Amino acid sequence: MTDALLTITDLEAAINYWRARSPSQGEELRLCAEASALAKPYALMIVQGATRIAPEQLGEKARAAFEAWRAAASA
């Protein structure tokens, strides 16, 4: 992952990518693992009023999901 800050718009796009690939499941409409991992830092950004986040602030699963989205988006 690059050292560039990640934008809230990019996180939202990554979440939407994963939701499209693996729609919510069950009566509770549970997110897939990738979207769920990205949803926590996304929600924190909203609550904190942040528009950017450092890549190292993402957990391992969120970072992997974000990188997979980025690779797919640039392909």
PDB file of N, CA and C in Angstrom:
ATOM      1  N   MET A   1       0.856  -1.176   0.000  1.00  0.00           N
ATOM      2  CA  MET A   1       0.000   0.000   0.000  1.00  0.00           C
ATOM      3  C   MET A   1       0.896   1.230   0.000  1.00  0.00           C
ATOM      4  N   THR A   2       0.483   2.229  -0.704  1.00  0.00           N
ATOM      5  CA  THR A   2       1.264   3.453  -0.757  1.00  0.00           C
ATOM      6  C   THR A   2       1.109   4.227   0.540  1.00  0.00           C
ATOM      7  N   ASP A   3       1.952   5.233   0.725  1.00  0.00           N
ATOM      8  CA  ASP A   3       1.892   6.072   1.917  1.00  0.00           C
ATOM      9  C   ASP A   3       0.839   7.158   1.801  1.00  0.00           C
ATOM     10  N   ALA A   4       0.206   7.287   0.650  1.00  0.00           N
ATOM     11  CA  ALA A   4      -0.803   8.329   0.446  1.00  0.00           C
ATOM     12  C   ALA A   4      -2.002   8.076   1.355  1.00  0.00           C
ATOM     13  N   LEU A   5      -2.613   9.157   1.798  1.00  0.00           N
ATOM     14  CA  LEU A   5      -3.809   9.039   2.626  1.00  0.00           C
ATOM     15  C   LEU A   5      -4.969   8.511   1.790  1.00  0.00           C
ATOM     16  N   LEU A   6      -5.812   7.720   2.418  1.00  0.00           N
ATOM     17  CA  LEU A   6      -6.981   7.165   1.751  1.00  0.00           C
ATOM     18  C   LEU A   6      -8.155   8.088   2.007  1.00  0.00           C
ATOM     19  N   THR A   7      -8.953   8.323   0.996  1.00  0.00           N
ATOM     20  CA  THR A   7     -10.094   9.226   1.159  1.00  0.00           C
ATOM     21  C   THR A   7     -11.344   8.448   1.550  1.00  0.00           C
ATOM     22  N   ILE A   8     -12.271   9.150   2.161  1.00  0.00           N
ATOM     23  CA  ILE A   8     -13.541   8.531   2.534  1.00  0.00           C
ATOM     24  C   ILE A   8     -14.292   8.081   1.279  1.00  0.00           C
ATOM     25  N   THR A   9     -14.116   8.805   0.192  1.00  0.00           N
ATOM     26  CA  THR A   9     -14.747   8.438  -1.077  1.00  0.00           C
ATOM     27  C   THR A   9     -14.206   7.104  -1.580  1.00  0.00           C
ATOM     28  N   ASP A  10     -12.897   6.900  -1.453  1.00  0.00           N
ATOM     29  CA  ASP A  10     -12.305   5.625  -1.860  1.00  0.00           C
ATOM     30  C   ASP A  10     -12.800   4.480  -0.983  1.00  0.00           C
ATOM     31  N   LEU A  11     -12.888   4.714   0.324  1.00  0.00           N
ATOM     32  CA  LEU A  11     -13.400   3.665   1.212  1.00  0.00           C
ATOM     33  C   LEU A  11     -14.841   3.310   0.856  1.00  0.00           C
ATOM     34  N   GLU A  12     -15.643   4.324   0.578  1.00  0.00           N
ATOM     35  CA  GLU A  12     -17.033   4.083   0.197  1.00  0.00           C
ATOM     36  C   GLU A  12     -17.107   3.289  -1.109  1.00  0.00           C
ATOM     37  N   ALA A  13     -16.272   3.638  -2.071  1.00  0.00           N
ATOM     38  CA  ALA A  13     -16.250   2.911  -3.343  1.00  0.00           C
ATOM     39  C   ALA A  13     -15.823   1.458  -3.133  1.00  0.00           C
ATOM     40  N   ALA A  14     -14.851   1.237  -2.263  1.00  0.00           N
ATOM     41  CA  ALA A  14     -14.400  -0.124  -1.974  1.00  0.00           C
ATOM     42  C   ALA A  14     -15.510  -0.930  -1.302  1.00  0.00           C
ATOM     43  N   ILE A  15     -16.221  -0.316  -0.361  1.00  0.00           N
ATOM     44  CA  ILE A  15     -17.344  -0.997   0.295  1.00  0.00           C
ATOM     45  C   ILE A  15     -18.406  -1.360  -0.741  1.00  0.00           C
ATOM     46  N   ASN A  16     -18.741  -0.422  -1.603  1.00  0.00           N
ATOM     47  CA  ASN A  16     -19.758  -0.680  -2.633  1.00  0.00           C
ATOM     48  C   ASN A  16     -19.321  -1.768  -3.608  1.00  0.00           C
ATOM     49  N   TYR A  17     -18.032  -1.807  -3.925  1.00  0.00           N
ATOM     50  CA  TYR A  17     -17.491  -2.862  -4.782  1.00  0.00           C
ATOM     51  C   TYR A  17     -17.737  -4.229  -4.147  1.00  0.00           C
ATOM     52  N   TRP A  18     -17.393  -4.358  -2.868  1.00  0.00           N
ATOM     53  CA  TRP A  18     -17.564  -5.633  -2.189  1.00  0.00           C
ATOM     54  C   TRP A  18     -19.032  -5.981  -2.000  1.00  0.00           C
ATOM     55  N   ARG A  19     -19.880  -4.990  -1.765  1.00  0.00           N
ATOM     56  CA  ARG A  19     -21.320  -5.241  -1.632  1.00  0.00           C
ATOM     57  C   ARG A  19     -21.899  -5.741  -2.954  1.00  0.00           C
ATOM     58  N   ALA A  20     -21.403  -5.223  -4.068  1.00  0.00           N
ATOM     59  CA  ALA A  20     -21.873  -5.673  -5.380  1.00  0.00           C
ATOM     60  C   ALA A  20     -21.400  -7.096  -5.675  1.00  0.00           C
ATOM     61  N   ARG A  21     -20.192  -7.410  -5.260  1.00  0.00           N
ATOM     62  CA  ARG A  21     -19.644  -8.754  -5.493  1.00  0.00           C
ATOM     63  C   ARG A  21     -20.275  -9.798  -4.595  1.00  0.00           C
ATOM     64  N   SER A  22     -20.587  -9.386  -3.372  1.00  0.00           N
ATOM     65  CA  SER A  22     -21.144 -10.313  -2.389  1.00  0.00           C
ATOM     66  C   SER A  22     -22.234  -9.593  -1.600  1.00  0.00           C
ATOM     67  N   PRO A  23     -23.459  -9.607  -2.113  1.00  0.00           N
ATOM     68  CA  PRO A  23     -24.555  -8.868  -1.465  1.00  0.00           C
ATOM     69  C   PRO A  23     -24.791  -9.298  -0.015  1.00  0.00           C
ATOM     70  N   SER A  24     -25.431  -8.430   0.734  1.00  0.00           N
ATOM     71  CA  SER A  24     -25.764  -8.708   2.134  1.00  0.00           C
ATOM     72  C   SER A  24     -26.548 -10.007   2.229  1.00  0.00           C
ATOM     73  N   GLN A  25     -26.356 -10.705   3.362  1.00  0.00           N
ATOM     74  CA  GLN A  25     -26.962 -12.025   3.521  1.00  0.00           C
ATOM     75  C   GLN A  25     -27.811 -12.096   4.781  1.00  0.00           C
ATOM     76  N   GLY A  26     -28.756 -12.992   4.773  1.00  0.00           N
ATOM     77  CA  GLY A  26     -29.570 -13.265   5.944  1.00  0.00           C
ATOM     78  C   GLY A  26     -30.610 -12.191   6.204  1.00  0.00           C
ATOM     79  N   GLU A  27     -31.470 -12.476   7.175  1.00  0.00           N
ATOM     80  CA  GLU A  27     -32.508 -11.515   7.535  1.00  0.00           C
ATOM     81  C   GLU A  27     -31.918 -10.226   8.087  1.00  0.00           C
ATOM     82  N   GLU A  28     -30.755 -10.341   8.723  1.00  0.00           N
ATOM     83  CA  GLU A  28     -30.098  -9.161   9.298  1.00  0.00           C
ATOM     84  C   GLU A  28     -29.300  -8.371   8.261  1.00  0.00           C
ATOM     85  N   LEU A  29     -29.290  -8.860   7.018  1.00  0.00           N
ATOM     86  CA  LEU A  29     -28.552  -8.222   5.920  1.00  0.00           C
ATOM     87  C   LEU A  29     -27.090  -7.997   6.284  1.00  0.00           C
ATOM     88  N   ARG A  30     -26.447  -9.054   6.730  1.00  0.00           N
ATOM     89  CA  ARG A  30     -25.045  -9.049   7.140  1.00  0.00           C
ATOM     90  C   ARG A  30     -24.129  -8.778   5.941  1.00  0.00           C
ATOM     91  N   LEU A  31     -23.199  -7.862   6.126  1.00  0.00           N
ATOM     92  CA  LEU A  31     -22.221  -7.545   5.081  1.00  0.00           C
ATOM     93  C   LEU A  31     -21.229  -8.687   4.927  1.00  0.00           C
ATOM     94  N   CYS A  32     -20.657  -8.814   3.744  1.00  0.00           N
ATOM     95  CA  CYS A  32     -19.583  -9.781   3.541  1.00  0.00           C
ATOM     96  C   CYS A  32     -18.377  -9.348   4.383  1.00  0.00           C
ATOM     97  N   ALA A  33     -17.438 -10.242   4.579  1.00  0.00           N
ATOM     98  CA  ALA A  33     -16.286  -9.972   5.448  1.00  0.00           C
ATOM     99  C   ALA A  33     -15.495  -8.746   4.996  1.00  0.00           C
ATOM    100  N   GLU A  34     -15.310  -8.598   3.690  1.00  0.00           N
ATOM    101  CA  GLU A  34     -14.517  -7.475   3.179  1.00  0.00           C
ATOM    102  C   GLU A  34     -15.211  -6.140   3.425  1.00  0.00           C
ATOM    103  N   ALA A  35     -16.494  -6.066   3.092  1.00  0.00           N
ATOM    104  CA  ALA A  35     -17.245  -4.821   3.310  1.00  0.00           C
ATOM    105  C   ALA A  35     -17.337  -4.505   4.792  1.00  0.00           C
ATOM    106  N   SER A  36     -17.513  -5.529   5.604  1.00  0.00           N
ATOM    107  CA  SER A  36     -17.590  -5.335   7.051  1.00  0.00           C
ATOM    108  C   SER A  36     -16.274  -4.785   7.601  1.00  0.00           C
ATOM    109  N   ALA A  37     -15.160  -5.308   7.124  1.00  0.00           N
ATOM    110  CA  ALA A  37     -13.852  -4.834   7.586  1.00  0.00           C
ATOM    111  C   ALA A  37     -13.641  -3.368   7.222  1.00  0.00           C
ATOM    112  N   LEU A  38     -14.132  -2.957   6.064  1.00  0.00           N
ATOM    113  CA  LEU A  38     -13.989  -1.562   5.631  1.00  0.00           C
ATOM    114  C   LEU A  38     -15.012  -0.637   6.285  1.00  0.00           C
ATOM    115  N   ALA A  39     -16.127  -1.191   6.728  1.00  0.00           N
ATOM    116  CA  ALA A  39     -17.201  -0.371   7.298  1.00  0.00           C
ATOM    117  C   ALA A  39     -16.800   0.292   8.611  1.00  0.00           C
ATOM    118  N   LYS A  40     -15.985  -0.379   9.419  1.00  0.00           N
ATOM    119  CA  LYS A  40     -15.598   0.194  10.714  1.00  0.00           C
ATOM    120  C   LYS A  40     -14.780   1.471  10.543  1.00  0.00           C
ATOM    121  N   PRO A  41     -13.669   1.458   9.782  1.00  0.00           N
ATOM    122  CA  PRO A  41     -12.931   2.717   9.619  1.00  0.00           C
ATOM    123  C   PRO A  41     -13.758   3.780   8.895  1.00  0.00           C
ATOM    124  N   TYR A  42     -14.634   3.361   7.993  1.00  0.00           N
ATOM    125  CA  TYR A  42     -15.511   4.298   7.287  1.00  0.00           C
ATOM    126  C   TYR A  42     -16.438   4.992   8.281  1.00  0.00           C
ATOM    127  N   ALA A  43     -17.057   4.214   9.156  1.00  0.00           N
ATOM    128  CA  ALA A  43     -17.959   4.786  10.167  1.00  0.00           C
ATOM    129  C   ALA A  43     -17.204   5.717  11.112  1.00  0.00           C
ATOM    130  N   LEU A  44     -16.011   5.323  11.521  1.00  0.00           N
ATOM    131  CA  LEU A  44     -15.212   6.174  12.408  1.00  0.00           C
ATOM    132  C   LEU A  44     -14.867   7.497  11.735  1.00  0.00           C
ATOM    133  N   MET A  45     -14.571   7.443  10.458  1.00  0.00           N
ATOM    134  CA  MET A  45     -14.278   8.676   9.726  1.00  0.00           C
ATOM    135  C   MET A  45     -15.493   9.596   9.724  1.00  0.00           C
ATOM    136  N   ILE A  46     -16.669   9.035   9.522  1.00  0.00           N
ATOM    137  CA  ILE A  46     -17.891   9.840   9.511  1.00  0.00           C
ATOM    138  C   ILE A  46     -18.109  10.481  10.874  1.00  0.00           C
ATOM    139  N   VAL A  47     -18.003   9.686  11.936  1.00  0.00           N
ATOM    140  CA  VAL A  47     -18.224  10.190  13.294  1.00  0.00           C
ATOM    141  C   VAL A  47     -17.214  11.280  13.642  1.00  0.00           C
ATOM    142  N   GLN A  48     -15.972  11.097  13.218  1.00  0.00           N
ATOM    143  CA  GLN A  48     -14.911  12.053  13.534  1.00  0.00           C
ATOM    144  C   GLN A  48     -14.866  13.226  12.561  1.00  0.00           C
ATOM    145  N   GLY A  49     -15.653  13.181  11.518  1.00  0.00           N
ATOM    146  CA  GLY A  49     -15.641  14.242  10.521  1.00  0.00           C
ATOM    147  C   GLY A  49     -14.380  14.248   9.676  1.00  0.00           C
ATOM    148  N   ALA A  50     -13.727  13.093   9.583  1.00  0.00           N
ATOM    149  CA  ALA A  50     -12.487  12.978   8.812  1.00  0.00           C
ATOM    150  C   ALA A  50     -12.806  12.697   7.345  1.00  0.00           C
ATOM    151  N   THR A  51     -11.961  13.180   6.468  1.00  0.00           N
ATOM    152  CA  THR A  51     -12.119  12.899   5.043  1.00  0.00           C
ATOM    153  C   THR A  51     -10.985  12.036   4.507  1.00  0.00           C
ATOM    154  N   ARG A  52      -9.941  11.856   5.307  1.00  0.00           N
ATOM    155  CA  ARG A  52      -8.787  11.034   4.915  1.00  0.00           C
ATOM    156  C   ARG A  52      -8.313  10.218   6.109  1.00  0.00           C
ATOM    157  N   ILE A  53      -7.691   9.105   5.792  1.00  0.00           N
ATOM    158  CA  ILE A  53      -7.166   8.219   6.827  1.00  0.00           C
ATOM    159  C   ILE A  53      -5.831   7.665   6.346  1.00  0.00           C
ATOM    160  N   ALA A  54      -4.900   7.484   7.265  1.00  0.00           N
ATOM    161  CA  ALA A  54      -3.612   6.889   6.918  1.00  0.00           C
ATOM    162  C   ALA A  54      -3.805   5.385   6.710  1.00  0.00           C
ATOM    163  N   PRO A  55      -3.149   4.805   5.731  1.00  0.00           N
ATOM    164  CA  PRO A  55      -3.313   3.369   5.453  1.00  0.00           C
ATOM    165  C   PRO A  55      -3.035   2.492   6.670  1.00  0.00           C
ATOM    166  N   GLU A  56      -2.086   2.887   7.499  1.00  0.00           N
ATOM    167  CA  GLU A  56      -1.745   2.073   8.667  1.00  0.00           C
ATOM    168  C   GLU A  56      -2.847   2.063   9.728  1.00  0.00           C
ATOM    169  N   GLN A  57      -3.848   2.912   9.579  1.00  0.00           N
ATOM    170  CA  GLN A  57      -4.979   2.916  10.503  1.00  0.00           C
ATOM    171  C   GLN A  57      -5.999   1.832  10.156  1.00  0.00           C
ATOM    172  N   LEU A  58      -5.853   1.229   8.998  1.00  0.00           N
ATOM    173  CA  LEU A  58      -6.731   0.119   8.620  1.00  0.00           C
ATOM    174  C   LEU A  58      -6.205  -1.163   9.251  1.00  0.00           C
ATOM    175  N   GLY A  59      -7.115  -2.012   9.688  1.00  0.00           N
ATOM    176  CA  GLY A  59      -6.725  -3.328  10.161  1.00  0.00           C
ATOM    177  C   GLY A  59      -6.269  -4.191   8.990  1.00  0.00           C
ATOM    178  N   GLU A  60      -5.745  -5.346   9.311  1.00  0.00           N
ATOM    179  CA  GLU A  60      -5.207  -6.233   8.275  1.00  0.00           C
ATOM    180  C   GLU A  60      -6.267  -6.633   7.243  1.00  0.00           C
ATOM    181  N   LYS A  61      -7.465  -7.017   7.708  1.00  0.00           N
ATOM    182  CA  LYS A  61      -8.531  -7.436   6.786  1.00  0.00           C
ATOM    183  C   LYS A  61      -9.021  -6.267   5.940  1.00  0.00           C
ATOM    184  N   ALA A  62      -9.151  -5.097   6.558  1.00  0.00           N
ATOM    185  CA  ALA A  62      -9.597  -3.913   5.817  1.00  0.00           C
ATOM    186  C   ALA A  62      -8.555  -3.518   4.779  1.00  0.00           C
ATOM    187  N   ARG A  63      -7.296  -3.600   5.146  1.00  0.00           N
ATOM    188  CA  ARG A  63      -6.224  -3.246   4.217  1.00  0.00           C
ATOM    189  C   ARG A  63      -6.221  -4.198   3.027  1.00  0.00           C
ATOM    190  N   ALA A  64      -6.397  -5.488   3.292  1.00  0.00           N
ATOM    191  CA  ALA A  64      -6.427  -6.475   2.206  1.00  0.00           C
ATOM    192  C   ALA A  64      -7.626  -6.237   1.290  1.00  0.00           C
ATOM    193  N   ALA A  65      -8.784  -5.943   1.874  1.00  0.00           N
ATOM    194  CA  ALA A  65      -9.987  -5.675   1.074  1.00  0.00           C
ATOM    195  C   ALA A  65      -9.809  -4.415   0.242  1.00  0.00           C
ATOM    196  N   PHE A  66      -9.201  -3.388   0.833  1.00  0.00           N
ATOM    197  CA  PHE A  66      -8.982  -2.142   0.113  1.00  0.00           C
ATOM    198  C   PHE A  66      -8.011  -2.350  -1.046  1.00  0.00           C
ATOM    199  N   GLU A  67      -6.943  -3.063  -0.792  1.00  0.00           N
ATOM    200  CA  GLU A  67      -5.953  -3.323  -1.846  1.00  0.00           C
ATOM    201  C   GLU A  67      -6.547  -4.156  -2.979  1.00  0.00           C
ATOM    202  N   ALA A  68      -7.377  -5.133  -2.644  1.00  0.00           N
ATOM    203  CA  ALA A  68      -8.024  -5.945  -3.683  1.00  0.00           C
ATOM    204  C   ALA A  68      -8.957  -5.080  -4.523  1.00  0.00           C
ATOM    205  N   TRP A  69      -9.701  -4.174  -3.875  1.00  0.00           N
ATOM    206  CA  TRP A  69     -10.564  -3.251  -4.618  1.00  0.00           C
ATOM    207  C   TRP A  69      -9.722  -2.360  -5.519  1.00  0.00           C
ATOM    208  N   ARG A  70      -8.650  -1.815  -4.980  1.00  0.00           N
ATOM    209  CA  ARG A  70      -7.795  -0.914  -5.758  1.00  0.00           C
ATOM    210  C   ARG A  70      -7.232  -1.627  -6.983  1.00  0.00           C
ATOM    211  N   ALA A  71      -6.797  -2.867  -6.813  1.00  0.00           N
ATOM    212  CA  ALA A  71      -6.258  -3.640  -7.939  1.00  0.00           C
ATOM    213  C   ALA A  71      -7.341  -3.885  -8.990  1.00  0.00           C
ATOM    214  N   ALA A  72      -8.544  -4.217  -8.548  1.00  0.00           N
ATOM    215  CA  ALA A  72      -9.646  -4.461  -9.487  1.00  0.00           C
ATOM    216  C   ALA A  72     -10.057  -3.178 -10.195  1.00  0.00           C
ATOM    217  N   ALA A  73     -10.046  -2.073  -9.475  1.00  0.00           N
ATOM    218  CA  ALA A  73     -10.459  -0.791 -10.053  1.00  0.00           C
ATOM    219  C   ALA A  73      -9.457  -0.281 -11.083  1.00  0.00           C
ATOM    220  N   SER A  74      -8.196  -0.639 -10.907  1.00  0.00           N
ATOM    221  CA  SER A  74      -7.176  -0.143 -11.834  1.00  0.00           C
ATOM    222  C   SER A  74      -6.919  -1.118 -12.980  1.00  0.00           C
ATOM    223  N   ALA A  75      -7.581  -2.268 -12.948  1.00  0.00           N
ATOM    224  CA  ALA A  75      -7.376  -3.278 -14.008  1.00  0.00           C
ATOM    225  C   ALA A  75      -8.135  -2.921 -15.267  1.00  0.00           C
TER     226      ALA A  75
END
